[in-house]
Structure formats: C-alpha cells, structure tokens
Amino acid sequence: FARQKQLPVTYKGESVGDFRIDLLVEDQVVIELKSVERHAPVFEAQLL
C-alpha cells in the first residue's frame, strides 16, 4: 500500500493541482477513511 498517495489533477490538458488518496492498496484499490457521526453523500462523490 501507499499512504497519502499524491496524484496530479489535470483540466483540459493543464495541470491544476494535486489530490491525496488516504491509502492506495496494491496500486488498485482506493481507500477513503472517515471517522464521522453522519455519512454524507459527498463522501461517496469524493471517493468516486
């Protein structure tokens, strides 16, 4: 696995920033971790 894996974001071919994945397992599975009382739909959208 890799922790806090940083990946670039491009928009219309231009680099516009980076994002971090909590855990990337076996270079295949993205893991988004939470510790919250209420589940919000934005968490699913973020993972997707």
ModelCIF file with pLDDT and N, C-alpha, C, O atoms, coordinates in Angstrom:
data_MODEL
#
_entry.id   MODEL 
#
_entity.id                         1 
_entity.type                       polymer 
_entity.pdbx_number_of_molecules   1 
#
_entity_poly.entity_id                      1 
_entity_poly.type                           'polypeptide(L)' 
_entity_poly.nstd_linkage                   no 
_entity_poly.nstd_monomer                   no 
_entity_poly.pdbx_seq_one_letter_code       FARQKQLPVTYKGESVGDFRIDLLVEDQVVIELKSVERHAPVFEAQLL 
_entity_poly.pdbx_seq_one_letter_code_can   FARQKQLPVTYKGESVGDFRIDLLVEDQVVIELKSVERHAPVFEAQLL 
_entity_poly.pdbx_strand_id                 A 
#
loop_
_entity_poly_seq.entity_id 
_entity_poly_seq.num 
_entity_poly_seq.mon_id 
_entity_poly_seq.hetero 
1 1  PHE n 
1 2  ALA n 
1 3  ARG n 
1 4  GLN n 
1 5  LYS n 
1 6  GLN n 
1 7  LEU n 
1 8  PRO n 
1 9  VAL n 
1 10 THR n 
1 11 TYR n 
1 12 LYS n 
1 13 GLY n 
1 14 GLU n 
1 15 SER n 
1 16 VAL n 
1 17 GLY n 
1 18 ASP n 
1 19 PHE n 
1 20 ARG n 
1 21 ILE n 
1 22 ASP n 
1 23 LEU n 
1 24 LEU n 
1 25 VAL n 
1 26 GLU n 
1 27 ASP n 
1 28 GLN n 
1 29 VAL n 
1 30 VAL n 
1 31 ILE n 
1 32 GLU n 
1 33 LEU n 
1 34 LYS n 
1 35 SER n 
1 36 VAL n 
1 37 GLU n 
1 38 ARG n 
1 39 HIS n 
1 40 ALA n 
1 41 PRO n 
1 42 VAL n 
1 43 PHE n 
1 44 GLU n 
1 45 ALA n 
1 46 GLN n 
1 47 LEU n 
1 48 LEU n 
#
_struct_asym.id          A 
_struct_asym.entity_id   1 
#
loop_
_ma_qa_metric.id 
_ma_qa_metric.mode 
_ma_qa_metric.name 
_ma_qa_metric.software_group_id 
_ma_qa_metric.type 
1 global pLDDT . pLDDT 
2 local  pLDDT . pLDDT 
#
_ma_qa_metric_global.metric_id      1 
_ma_qa_metric_global.metric_value   94.54 
_ma_qa_metric_global.model_id       1 
_ma_qa_metric_global.ordinal_id     1 
#
loop_
_ma_qa_metric_local.label_asym_id 
_ma_qa_metric_local.label_comp_id 
_ma_qa_metric_local.label_seq_id 
_ma_qa_metric_local.metric_id 
_ma_qa_metric_local.metric_value 
_ma_qa_metric_local.model_id 
_ma_qa_metric_local.ordinal_id 
A PHE 1  2 98.00 1 1  
A ALA 2  2 97.00 1 2  
A ARG 3  2 97.00 1 3  
A GLN 4  2 96.00 1 4  
A LYS 5  2 94.00 1 5  
A GLN 6  2 93.00 1 6  
A LEU 7  2 90.00 1 7  
A PRO 8  2 91.00 1 8  
A VAL 9  2 92.00 1 9  
A THR 10 2 90.00 1 10 
A TYR 11 2 93.00 1 11 
A LYS 12 2 96.00 1 12 
A GLY 13 2 93.00 1 13 
A GLU 14 2 96.00 1 14 
A SER 15 2 95.00 1 15 
A VAL 16 2 97.00 1 16 
A GLY 17 2 95.00 1 17 
A ASP 18 2 94.00 1 18 
A PHE 19 2 91.00 1 19 
A ARG 20 2 94.00 1 20 
A ILE 21 2 95.00 1 21 
A ASP 22 2 97.00 1 22 
A LEU 23 2 98.00 1 23 
A LEU 24 2 97.00 1 24 
A VAL 25 2 97.00 1 25 
A GLU 26 2 96.00 1 26 
A ASP 27 2 94.00 1 27 
A GLN 28 2 95.00 1 28 
A VAL 29 2 97.00 1 29 
A VAL 30 2 97.00 1 30 
A ILE 31 2 98.00 1 31 
A GLU 32 2 97.00 1 32 
A LEU 33 2 97.00 1 33 
A LYS 34 2 97.00 1 34 
A SER 35 2 96.00 1 35 
A VAL 36 2 96.00 1 36 
A GLU 37 2 91.00 1 37 
A ARG 38 2 88.00 1 38 
A HIS 39 2 86.00 1 39 
A ALA 40 2 89.00 1 40 
A PRO 41 2 91.00 1 41 
A VAL 42 2 94.00 1 42 
A PHE 43 2 95.00 1 43 
A GLU 44 2 96.00 1 44 
A ALA 45 2 95.00 1 45 
A GLN 46 2 94.00 1 46 
A LEU 47 2 97.00 1 47 
A LEU 48 2 96.00 1 48 
#
loop_
_atom_site.group_PDB 
_atom_site.id 
_atom_site.type_symbol 
_atom_site.label_atom_id 
_atom_site.label_alt_id 
_atom_site.label_comp_id 
_atom_site.label_asym_id 
_atom_site.label_entity_id 
_atom_site.label_seq_id 
_atom_site.pdbx_PDB_ins_code 
_atom_site.Cartn_x 
_atom_site.Cartn_y 
_atom_site.Cartn_z 
_atom_site.occupancy 
_atom_site.B_iso_or_equiv 
_atom_site.pdbx_formal_charge 
_atom_site.auth_seq_id 
_atom_site.auth_comp_id 
_atom_site.auth_asym_id 
_atom_site.auth_atom_id 
_atom_site.pdbx_PDB_model_num 
ATOM 1   N N  . PHE A 1 1  ? 0.833   -1.193 0.000   1.00 98.00 ? 1  PHE A N  1 
ATOM 2   C CA . PHE A 1 1  ? 0.000   0.000  0.000   1.00 98.00 ? 1  PHE A CA 1 
ATOM 3   C C  . PHE A 1 1  ? 0.873   1.250  0.000   1.00 98.00 ? 1  PHE A C  1 
ATOM 4   O O  . PHE A 1 1  ? 2.069   1.193  0.285   1.00 98.00 ? 1  PHE A O  1 
ATOM 5   N N  . ALA A 1 2  ? 0.251   2.373  -0.325  1.00 97.00 ? 2  ALA A N  1 
ATOM 6   C CA . ALA A 1 2  ? 0.891   3.685  -0.216  1.00 97.00 ? 2  ALA A CA 1 
ATOM 7   C C  . ALA A 1 2  ? -0.055  4.573  0.584   1.00 97.00 ? 2  ALA A C  1 
ATOM 8   O O  . ALA A 1 2  ? -1.265  4.572  0.359   1.00 97.00 ? 2  ALA A O  1 
ATOM 9   N N  . ARG A 1 3  ? 0.513   5.334  1.525   1.00 97.00 ? 3  ARG A N  1 
ATOM 10  C CA . ARG A 1 3  ? -0.273  6.265  2.340   1.00 97.00 ? 3  ARG A CA 1 
ATOM 11  C C  . ARG A 1 3  ? -0.174  7.659  1.752   1.00 97.00 ? 3  ARG A C  1 
ATOM 12  O O  . ARG A 1 3  ? 0.879   8.074  1.268   1.00 97.00 ? 3  ARG A O  1 
ATOM 13  N N  . GLN A 1 4  ? -1.291  8.377  1.800   1.00 96.00 ? 4  GLN A N  1 
ATOM 14  C CA . GLN A 1 4  ? -1.344  9.763  1.338   1.00 96.00 ? 4  GLN A CA 1 
ATOM 15  C C  . GLN A 1 4  ? -0.702  9.910  -0.041  1.00 96.00 ? 4  GLN A C  1 
ATOM 16  O O  . GLN A 1 4  ? 0.104   10.808 -0.286  1.00 96.00 ? 4  GLN A O  1 
ATOM 17  N N  . LYS A 1 5  ? -1.087  9.005  -0.921  1.00 94.00 ? 5  LYS A N  1 
ATOM 18  C CA . LYS A 1 5  ? -0.561  8.989  -2.289  1.00 94.00 ? 5  LYS A CA 1 
ATOM 19  C C  . LYS A 1 5  ? -1.013  10.254 -3.016  1.00 94.00 ? 5  LYS A C  1 
ATOM 20  O O  . LYS A 1 5  ? -2.208  10.502 -3.174  1.00 94.00 ? 5  LYS A O  1 
ATOM 21  N N  . GLN A 1 6  ? -0.050  11.037 -3.450  1.00 93.00 ? 6  GLN A N  1 
ATOM 22  C CA . GLN A 1 6  ? -0.332  12.297 -4.141  1.00 93.00 ? 6  GLN A CA 1 
ATOM 23  C C  . GLN A 1 6  ? -0.397  12.050 -5.635  1.00 93.00 ? 6  GLN A C  1 
ATOM 24  O O  . GLN A 1 6  ? 0.505   11.457 -6.226  1.00 93.00 ? 6  GLN A O  1 
ATOM 25  N N  . LEU A 1 7  ? -1.485  12.520 -6.237  1.00 90.00 ? 7  LEU A N  1 
ATOM 26  C CA . LEU A 1 7  ? -1.675  12.365 -7.676  1.00 90.00 ? 7  LEU A CA 1 
ATOM 27  C C  . LEU A 1 7  ? -2.057  13.708 -8.291  1.00 90.00 ? 7  LEU A C  1 
ATOM 28  O O  . LEU A 1 7  ? -2.746  14.510 -7.661  1.00 90.00 ? 7  LEU A O  1 
ATOM 29  N N  . PRO A 1 8  ? -1.609  13.953 -9.519  1.00 91.00 ? 8  PRO A N  1 
ATOM 30  C CA . PRO A 1 8  ? -1.898  15.241 -10.163 1.00 91.00 ? 8  PRO A CA 1 
ATOM 31  C C  . PRO A 1 8  ? -3.331  15.303 -10.699 1.00 91.00 ? 8  PRO A C  1 
ATOM 32  O O  . PRO A 1 8  ? -3.929  14.282 -11.040 1.00 91.00 ? 8  PRO A O  1 
ATOM 33  N N  . VAL A 1 9  ? -3.858  16.509 -10.763 1.00 92.00 ? 9  VAL A N  1 
ATOM 34  C CA . VAL A 1 9  ? -5.158  16.769 -11.376 1.00 92.00 ? 9  VAL A CA 1 
ATOM 35  C C  . VAL A 1 9  ? -4.911  17.627 -12.611 1.00 92.00 ? 9  VAL A C  1 
ATOM 36  O O  . VAL A 1 9  ? -4.233  18.653 -12.543 1.00 92.00 ? 9  VAL A O  1 
ATOM 37  N N  . THR A 1 10 ? -5.467  17.194 -13.737 1.00 90.00 ? 10 THR A N  1 
ATOM 38  C CA . THR A 1 10 ? -5.360  17.995 -14.952 1.00 90.00 ? 10 THR A CA 1 
ATOM 39  C C  . THR A 1 10 ? -6.754  18.399 -15.391 1.00 90.00 ? 10 THR A C  1 
ATOM 40  O O  . THR A 1 10 ? -7.724  17.664 -15.206 1.00 90.00 ? 10 THR A O  1 
ATOM 41  N N  . TYR A 1 11 ? -6.831  19.566 -15.969 1.00 93.00 ? 11 TYR A N  1 
ATOM 42  C CA . TYR A 1 11 ? -8.078  20.075 -16.501 1.00 93.00 ? 11 TYR A CA 1 
ATOM 43  C C  . TYR A 1 11 ? -7.804  20.576 -17.916 1.00 93.00 ? 11 TYR A C  1 
ATOM 44  O O  . TYR A 1 11 ? -7.029  21.508 -18.127 1.00 93.00 ? 11 TYR A O  1 
ATOM 45  N N  . LYS A 1 12 ? -8.454  19.938 -18.868 1.00 96.00 ? 12 LYS A N  1 
ATOM 46  C CA . LYS A 1 12 ? -8.267  20.284 -20.281 1.00 96.00 ? 12 LYS A CA 1 
ATOM 47  C C  . LYS A 1 12 ? -6.780  20.319 -20.656 1.00 96.00 ? 12 LYS A C  1 
ATOM 48  O O  . LYS A 1 12 ? -6.303  21.227 -21.337 1.00 96.00 ? 12 LYS A O  1 
ATOM 49  N N  . GLY A 1 13 ? -6.081  19.298 -20.185 1.00 93.00 ? 13 GLY A N  1 
ATOM 50  C CA . GLY A 1 13 ? -4.675  19.150 -20.531 1.00 93.00 ? 13 GLY A CA 1 
ATOM 51  C C  . GLY A 1 13 ? -3.707  19.964 -19.698 1.00 93.00 ? 13 GLY A C  1 
ATOM 52  O O  . GLY A 1 13 ? -2.497  19.870 -19.901 1.00 93.00 ? 13 GLY A O  1 
ATOM 53  N N  . GLU A 1 14 ? -4.203  20.756 -18.774 1.00 96.00 ? 14 GLU A N  1 
ATOM 54  C CA . GLU A 1 14 ? -3.345  21.598 -17.941 1.00 96.00 ? 14 GLU A CA 1 
ATOM 55  C C  . GLU A 1 14 ? -3.318  21.075 -16.506 1.00 96.00 ? 14 GLU A C  1 
ATOM 56  O O  . GLU A 1 14 ? -4.351  20.701 -15.952 1.00 96.00 ? 14 GLU A O  1 
ATOM 57  N N  . SER A 1 15 ? -2.133  21.053 -15.918 1.00 95.00 ? 15 SER A N  1 
ATOM 58  C CA . SER A 1 15 ? -2.010  20.671 -14.511 1.00 95.00 ? 15 SER A CA 1 
ATOM 59  C C  . SER A 1 15 ? -2.598  21.776 -13.641 1.00 95.00 ? 15 SER A C  1 
ATOM 60  O O  . SER A 1 15 ? -2.211  22.938 -13.767 1.00 95.00 ? 15 SER A O  1 
ATOM 61  N N  . VAL A 1 16 ? -3.532  21.421 -12.760 1.00 97.00 ? 16 VAL A N  1 
ATOM 62  C CA . VAL A 1 16 ? -4.195  22.422 -11.926 1.00 97.00 ? 16 VAL A CA 1 
ATOM 63  C C  . VAL A 1 16 ? -4.023  22.160 -10.432 1.00 97.00 ? 16 VAL A C  1 
ATOM 64  O O  . VAL A 1 16 ? -4.539  22.918 -9.612  1.00 97.00 ? 16 VAL A O  1 
ATOM 65  N N  . GLY A 1 17 ? -3.311  21.106 -10.069 1.00 95.00 ? 17 GLY A N  1 
ATOM 66  C CA . GLY A 1 17 ? -3.100  20.824 -8.653  1.00 95.00 ? 17 GLY A CA 1 
ATOM 67  C C  . GLY A 1 17 ? -2.903  19.346 -8.415  1.00 95.00 ? 17 GLY A C  1 
ATOM 68  O O  . GLY A 1 17 ? -2.641  18.570 -9.334  1.00 95.00 ? 17 GLY A O  1 
ATOM 69  N N  . ASP A 1 18 ? -3.035  18.988 -7.179  1.00 94.00 ? 18 ASP A N  1 
ATOM 70  C CA . ASP A 1 18 ? -2.850  17.601 -6.758  1.00 94.00 ? 18 ASP A CA 1 
ATOM 71  C C  . ASP A 1 18 ? -3.964  17.210 -5.792  1.00 94.00 ? 18 ASP A C  1 
ATOM 72  O O  . ASP A 1 18 ? -4.636  18.070 -5.224  1.00 94.00 ? 18 ASP A O  1 
ATOM 73  N N  . PHE A 1 19 ? -4.151  15.912 -5.614  1.00 91.00 ? 19 PHE A N  1 
ATOM 74  C CA . PHE A 1 19 ? -5.021  15.409 -4.567  1.00 91.00 ? 19 PHE A CA 1 
ATOM 75  C C  . PHE A 1 19 ? -4.314  14.244 -3.896  1.00 91.00 ? 19 PHE A C  1 
ATOM 76  O O  . PHE A 1 19 ? -3.370  13.678 -4.445  1.00 91.00 ? 19 PHE A O  1 
ATOM 77  N N  . ARG A 1 20 ? -4.774  13.895 -2.711  1.00 94.00 ? 20 ARG A N  1 
ATOM 78  C CA . ARG A 1 20 ? -4.155  12.802 -1.963  1.00 94.00 ? 20 ARG A CA 1 
ATOM 79  C C  . ARG A 1 20 ? -5.182  11.727 -1.645  1.00 94.00 ? 20 ARG A C  1 
ATOM 80  O O  . ARG A 1 20 ? -6.287  12.003 -1.178  1.00 94.00 ? 20 ARG A O  1 
ATOM 81  N N  . ILE A 1 21 ? -4.783  10.512 -1.911  1.00 95.00 ? 21 ILE A N  1 
ATOM 82  C CA . ILE A 1 21 ? -5.591  9.347  -1.568  1.00 95.00 ? 21 ILE A CA 1 
ATOM 83  C C  . ILE A 1 21 ? -5.123  8.871  -0.194  1.00 95.00 ? 21 ILE A C  1 
ATOM 84  O O  . ILE A 1 21 ? -3.923  8.723  0.036   1.00 95.00 ? 21 ILE A O  1 
ATOM 85  N N  . ASP A 1 22 ? -6.076  8.629  0.727   1.00 97.00 ? 22 ASP A N  1 
ATOM 86  C CA . ASP A 1 22 ? -5.690  8.156  2.067   1.00 97.00 ? 22 ASP A CA 1 
ATOM 87  C C  . ASP A 1 22 ? -4.787  6.931  1.954   1.00 97.00 ? 22 ASP A C  1 
ATOM 88  O O  . ASP A 1 22 ? -3.671  6.926  2.474   1.00 97.00 ? 22 ASP A O  1 
ATOM 89  N N  . LEU A 1 23 ? -5.268  5.900  1.277   1.00 98.00 ? 23 LEU A N  1 
ATOM 90  C CA . LEU A 1 23 ? -4.478  4.690  1.045   1.00 98.00 ? 23 LEU A CA 1 
ATOM 91  C C  . LEU A 1 23 ? -4.764  4.175  -0.360  1.00 98.00 ? 23 LEU A C  1 
ATOM 92  O O  . LEU A 1 23 ? -5.912  4.155  -0.803  1.00 98.00 ? 23 LEU A O  1 
ATOM 93  N N  . LEU A 1 24 ? -3.732  3.769  -1.039  1.00 97.00 ? 24 LEU A N  1 
ATOM 94  C CA . LEU A 1 24 ? -3.866  3.091  -2.318  1.00 97.00 ? 24 LEU A CA 1 
ATOM 95  C C  . LEU A 1 24 ? -3.267  1.702  -2.125  1.00 97.00 ? 24 LEU A C  1 
ATOM 96  O O  . LEU A 1 24 ? -2.066  1.567  -1.887  1.00 97.00 ? 24 LEU A O  1 
ATOM 97  N N  . VAL A 1 25 ? -4.095  0.679  -2.225  1.00 97.00 ? 25 VAL A N  1 
ATOM 98  C CA . VAL A 1 25 ? -3.678  -0.689 -1.913  1.00 97.00 ? 25 VAL A CA 1 
ATOM 99  C C  . VAL A 1 25 ? -3.394  -1.452 -3.203  1.00 97.00 ? 25 VAL A C  1 
ATOM 100 O O  . VAL A 1 25 ? -4.214  -1.498 -4.119  1.00 97.00 ? 25 VAL A O  1 
ATOM 101 N N  . GLU A 1 26 ? -2.198  -2.051 -3.242  1.00 96.00 ? 26 GLU A N  1 
ATOM 102 C CA . GLU A 1 26 ? -1.760  -2.866 -4.382  1.00 96.00 ? 26 GLU A CA 1 
ATOM 103 C C  . GLU A 1 26 ? -1.913  -2.111 -5.704  1.00 96.00 ? 26 GLU A C  1 
ATOM 104 O O  . GLU A 1 26 ? -2.171  -2.729 -6.737  1.00 96.00 ? 26 GLU A O  1 
ATOM 105 N N  . ASP A 1 27 ? -1.759  -0.792 -5.687  1.00 94.00 ? 27 ASP A N  1 
ATOM 106 C CA . ASP A 1 27 ? -1.891  0.062  -6.872  1.00 94.00 ? 27 ASP A CA 1 
ATOM 107 C C  . ASP A 1 27 ? -3.228  -0.123 -7.575  1.00 94.00 ? 27 ASP A C  1 
ATOM 108 O O  . ASP A 1 27 ? -3.344  0.147  -8.771  1.00 94.00 ? 27 ASP A O  1 
ATOM 109 N N  . GLN A 1 28 ? -4.255  -0.590 -6.829  1.00 95.00 ? 28 GLN A N  1 
ATOM 110 C CA . GLN A 1 28 ? -5.527  -0.906 -7.456  1.00 95.00 ? 28 GLN A CA 1 
ATOM 111 C C  . GLN A 1 28 ? -6.745  -0.363 -6.710  1.00 95.00 ? 28 GLN A C  1 
ATOM 112 O O  . GLN A 1 28 ? -7.693  0.108  -7.338  1.00 95.00 ? 28 GLN A O  1 
ATOM 113 N N  . VAL A 1 29 ? -6.728  -0.422 -5.392  1.00 97.00 ? 29 VAL A N  1 
ATOM 114 C CA . VAL A 1 29 ? -7.920  -0.109 -4.603  1.00 97.00 ? 29 VAL A CA 1 
ATOM 115 C C  . VAL A 1 29 ? -7.698  1.194  -3.832  1.00 97.00 ? 29 VAL A C  1 
ATOM 116 O O  . VAL A 1 29 ? -6.754  1.312  -3.051  1.00 97.00 ? 29 VAL A O  1 
ATOM 117 N N  . VAL A 1 30 ? -8.577  2.165  -4.062  1.00 97.00 ? 30 VAL A N  1 
ATOM 118 C CA . VAL A 1 30 ? -8.533  3.439  -3.355  1.00 97.00 ? 30 VAL A CA 1 
ATOM 119 C C  . VAL A 1 30 ? -9.310  3.285  -2.051  1.00 97.00 ? 30 VAL A C  1 
ATOM 120 O O  . VAL A 1 30 ? -10.453 2.829  -2.046  1.00 97.00 ? 30 VAL A O  1 
ATOM 121 N N  . ILE A 1 31 ? -8.680  3.670  -0.955  1.00 98.00 ? 31 ILE A N  1 
ATOM 122 C CA . ILE A 1 31 ? -9.335  3.622  0.353   1.00 98.00 ? 31 ILE A CA 1 
ATOM 123 C C  . ILE A 1 31 ? -9.512  5.044  0.856   1.00 98.00 ? 31 ILE A C  1 
ATOM 124 O O  . ILE A 1 31 ? -8.538  5.783  1.001   1.00 98.00 ? 31 ILE A O  1 
ATOM 125 N N  . GLU A 1 32 ? -10.748 5.426  1.122   1.00 97.00 ? 32 GLU A N  1 
ATOM 126 C CA . GLU A 1 32 ? -11.055 6.720  1.726   1.00 97.00 ? 32 GLU A CA 1 
ATOM 127 C C  . GLU A 1 32 ? -11.563 6.454  3.141   1.00 97.00 ? 32 GLU A C  1 
ATOM 128 O O  . GLU A 1 32 ? -12.582 5.793  3.337   1.00 97.00 ? 32 GLU A O  1 
ATOM 129 N N  . LEU A 1 33 ? -10.834 6.982  4.118   1.00 97.00 ? 33 LEU A N  1 
ATOM 130 C CA . LEU A 1 33 ? -11.171 6.745  5.521   1.00 97.00 ? 33 LEU A CA 1 
ATOM 131 C C  . LEU A 1 33 ? -11.910 7.933  6.102   1.00 97.00 ? 33 LEU A C  1 
ATOM 132 O O  . LEU A 1 33 ? -11.624 9.086  5.780   1.00 97.00 ? 33 LEU A O  1 
ATOM 133 N N  . LYS A 1 34 ? -12.857 7.629  6.957   1.00 97.00 ? 34 LYS A N  1 
ATOM 134 C CA . LYS A 1 34 ? -13.608 8.646  7.687   1.00 97.00 ? 34 LYS A CA 1 
ATOM 135 C C  . LYS A 1 34 ? -13.748 8.197  9.136   1.00 97.00 ? 34 LYS A C  1 
ATOM 136 O O  . LYS A 1 34 ? -13.640 7.015  9.461   1.00 97.00 ? 34 LYS A O  1 
ATOM 137 N N  . SER A 1 35 ? -13.993 9.184  9.995   1.00 96.00 ? 35 SER A N  1 
ATOM 138 C CA . SER A 1 35 ? -14.362 8.914  11.378  1.00 96.00 ? 35 SER A CA 1 
ATOM 139 C C  . SER A 1 35 ? -15.375 9.987  11.759  1.00 96.00 ? 35 SER A C  1 
ATOM 140 O O  . SER A 1 35 ? -15.068 10.938 12.478  1.00 96.00 ? 35 SER A O  1 
ATOM 141 N N  . VAL A 1 36 ? -16.600 9.802  11.249  1.00 96.00 ? 36 VAL A N  1 
ATOM 142 C CA . VAL A 1 36 ? -17.644 10.813 11.396  1.00 96.00 ? 36 VAL A CA 1 
ATOM 143 C C  . VAL A 1 36 ? -18.928 10.178 11.923  1.00 96.00 ? 36 VAL A C  1 
ATOM 144 O O  . VAL A 1 36 ? -19.166 8.982  11.755  1.00 96.00 ? 36 VAL A O  1 
ATOM 145 N N  . GLU A 1 37 ? -19.749 11.010 12.566  1.00 91.00 ? 37 GLU A N  1 
ATOM 146 C CA . GLU A 1 37 ? -21.024 10.521 13.093  1.00 91.00 ? 37 GLU A CA 1 
ATOM 147 C C  . GLU A 1 37 ? -22.036 10.261 11.994  1.00 91.00 ? 37 GLU A C  1 
ATOM 148 O O  . GLU A 1 37 ? -22.769 9.273  12.036  1.00 91.00 ? 37 GLU A O  1 
ATOM 149 N N  . ARG A 1 38 ? -22.076 11.147 11.013  1.00 88.00 ? 38 ARG A N  1 
ATOM 150 C CA . ARG A 1 38 ? -23.071 11.035 9.953   1.00 88.00 ? 38 ARG A CA 1 
ATOM 151 C C  . ARG A 1 38 ? -22.405 10.851 8.604   1.00 88.00 ? 38 ARG A C  1 
ATOM 152 O O  . ARG A 1 38 ? -21.435 11.527 8.263   1.00 88.00 ? 38 ARG A O  1 
ATOM 153 N N  . HIS A 1 39 ? -22.952 9.925  7.858   1.00 86.00 ? 39 HIS A N  1 
ATOM 154 C CA . HIS A 1 39 ? -22.482 9.697  6.492   1.00 86.00 ? 39 HIS A CA 1 
ATOM 155 C C  . HIS A 1 39 ? -23.092 10.766 5.586   1.00 86.00 ? 39 HIS A C  1 
ATOM 156 O O  . HIS A 1 39 ? -24.298 11.011 5.633   1.00 86.00 ? 39 HIS A O  1 
ATOM 157 N N  . ALA A 1 40 ? -22.271 11.388 4.776   1.00 89.00 ? 40 ALA A N  1 
ATOM 158 C CA . ALA A 1 40 ? -22.753 12.383 3.825   1.00 89.00 ? 40 ALA A CA 1 
ATOM 159 C C  . ALA A 1 40 ? -22.512 11.884 2.401   1.00 89.00 ? 40 ALA A C  1 
ATOM 160 O O  . ALA A 1 40 ? -21.476 11.277 2.132   1.00 89.00 ? 40 ALA A O  1 
ATOM 161 N N  . PRO A 1 41 ? -23.450 12.129 1.487   1.00 91.00 ? 41 PRO A N  1 
ATOM 162 C CA . PRO A 1 41 ? -23.272 11.691 0.099   1.00 91.00 ? 41 PRO A CA 1 
ATOM 163 C C  . PRO A 1 41 ? -21.995 12.236 -0.547  1.00 91.00 ? 41 PRO A C  1 
ATOM 164 O O  . PRO A 1 41 ? -21.461 11.621 -1.470  1.00 91.00 ? 41 PRO A O  1 
ATOM 165 N N  . VAL A 1 42 ? -21.505 13.377 -0.072  1.00 94.00 ? 42 VAL A N  1 
ATOM 166 C CA . VAL A 1 42 ? -20.283 13.944 -0.647  1.00 94.00 ? 42 VAL A CA 1 
ATOM 167 C C  . VAL A 1 42 ? -19.086 13.018 -0.430  1.00 94.00 ? 42 VAL A C  1 
ATOM 168 O O  . VAL A 1 42 ? -18.139 13.052 -1.216  1.00 94.00 ? 42 VAL A O  1 
ATOM 169 N N  . PHE A 1 43 ? -19.109 12.188 0.622   1.00 95.00 ? 43 PHE A N  1 
ATOM 170 C CA . PHE A 1 43 ? -18.012 11.239 0.852   1.00 95.00 ? 43 PHE A CA 1 
ATOM 171 C C  . PHE A 1 43 ? -17.924 10.239 -0.296  1.00 95.00 ? 43 PHE A C  1 
ATOM 172 O O  . PHE A 1 43 ? -16.833 9.905  -0.757  1.00 95.00 ? 43 PHE A O  1 
ATOM 173 N N  . GLU A 1 44 ? -19.077 9.769  -0.749  1.00 96.00 ? 44 GLU A N  1 
ATOM 174 C CA . GLU A 1 44 ? -19.110 8.829  -1.871  1.00 96.00 ? 44 GLU A CA 1 
ATOM 175 C C  . GLU A 1 44 ? -18.641 9.520  -3.148  1.00 96.00 ? 44 GLU A C  1 
ATOM 176 O O  . GLU A 1 44 ? -17.876 8.947  -3.925  1.00 96.00 ? 44 GLU A O  1 
ATOM 177 N N  . ALA A 1 45 ? -19.100 10.745 -3.363  1.00 95.00 ? 45 ALA A N  1 
ATOM 178 C CA . ALA A 1 45 ? -18.689 11.503 -4.549  1.00 95.00 ? 45 ALA A CA 1 
ATOM 179 C C  . ALA A 1 45 ? -17.184 11.740 -4.532  1.00 95.00 ? 45 ALA A C  1 
ATOM 180 O O  . ALA A 1 45 ? -16.526 11.656 -5.569  1.00 95.00 ? 45 ALA A O  1 
ATOM 181 N N  . GLN A 1 46 ? -16.643 12.034 -3.357  1.00 94.00 ? 46 GLN A N  1 
ATOM 182 C CA . GLN A 1 46 ? -15.193 12.248 -3.218  1.00 94.00 ? 46 GLN A CA 1 
ATOM 183 C C  . GLN A 1 46 ? -14.431 10.987 -3.609  1.00 94.00 ? 46 GLN A C  1 
ATOM 184 O O  . GLN A 1 46 ? -13.474 11.052 -4.381  1.00 94.00 ? 46 GLN A O  1 
ATOM 185 N N  . LEU A 1 47 ? -14.846 9.849  -3.082  1.00 97.00 ? 47 LEU A N  1 
ATOM 186 C CA . LEU A 1 47 ? -14.179 8.590  -3.413  1.00 97.00 ? 47 LEU A CA 1 
ATOM 187 C C  . LEU A 1 47 ? -14.278 8.303  -4.903  1.00 97.00 ? 47 LEU A C  1 
ATOM 188 O O  . LEU A 1 47 ? -13.289 7.906  -5.520  1.00 97.00 ? 47 LEU A O  1 
ATOM 189 N N  . LEU A 1 48 ? -15.443 8.495  -5.488  1.00 96.00 ? 48 LEU A N  1 
ATOM 190 C CA . LEU A 1 48 ? -15.602 8.244  -6.922  1.00 96.00 ? 48 LEU A CA 1 
ATOM 191 C C  . LEU A 1 48 ? -14.716 9.164  -7.756  1.00 96.00 ? 48 LEU A C  1 
ATOM 192 O O  . LEU A 1 48 ? -14.728 9.086  -8.985  1.00 96.00 ? 48 LEU A O  1 
#
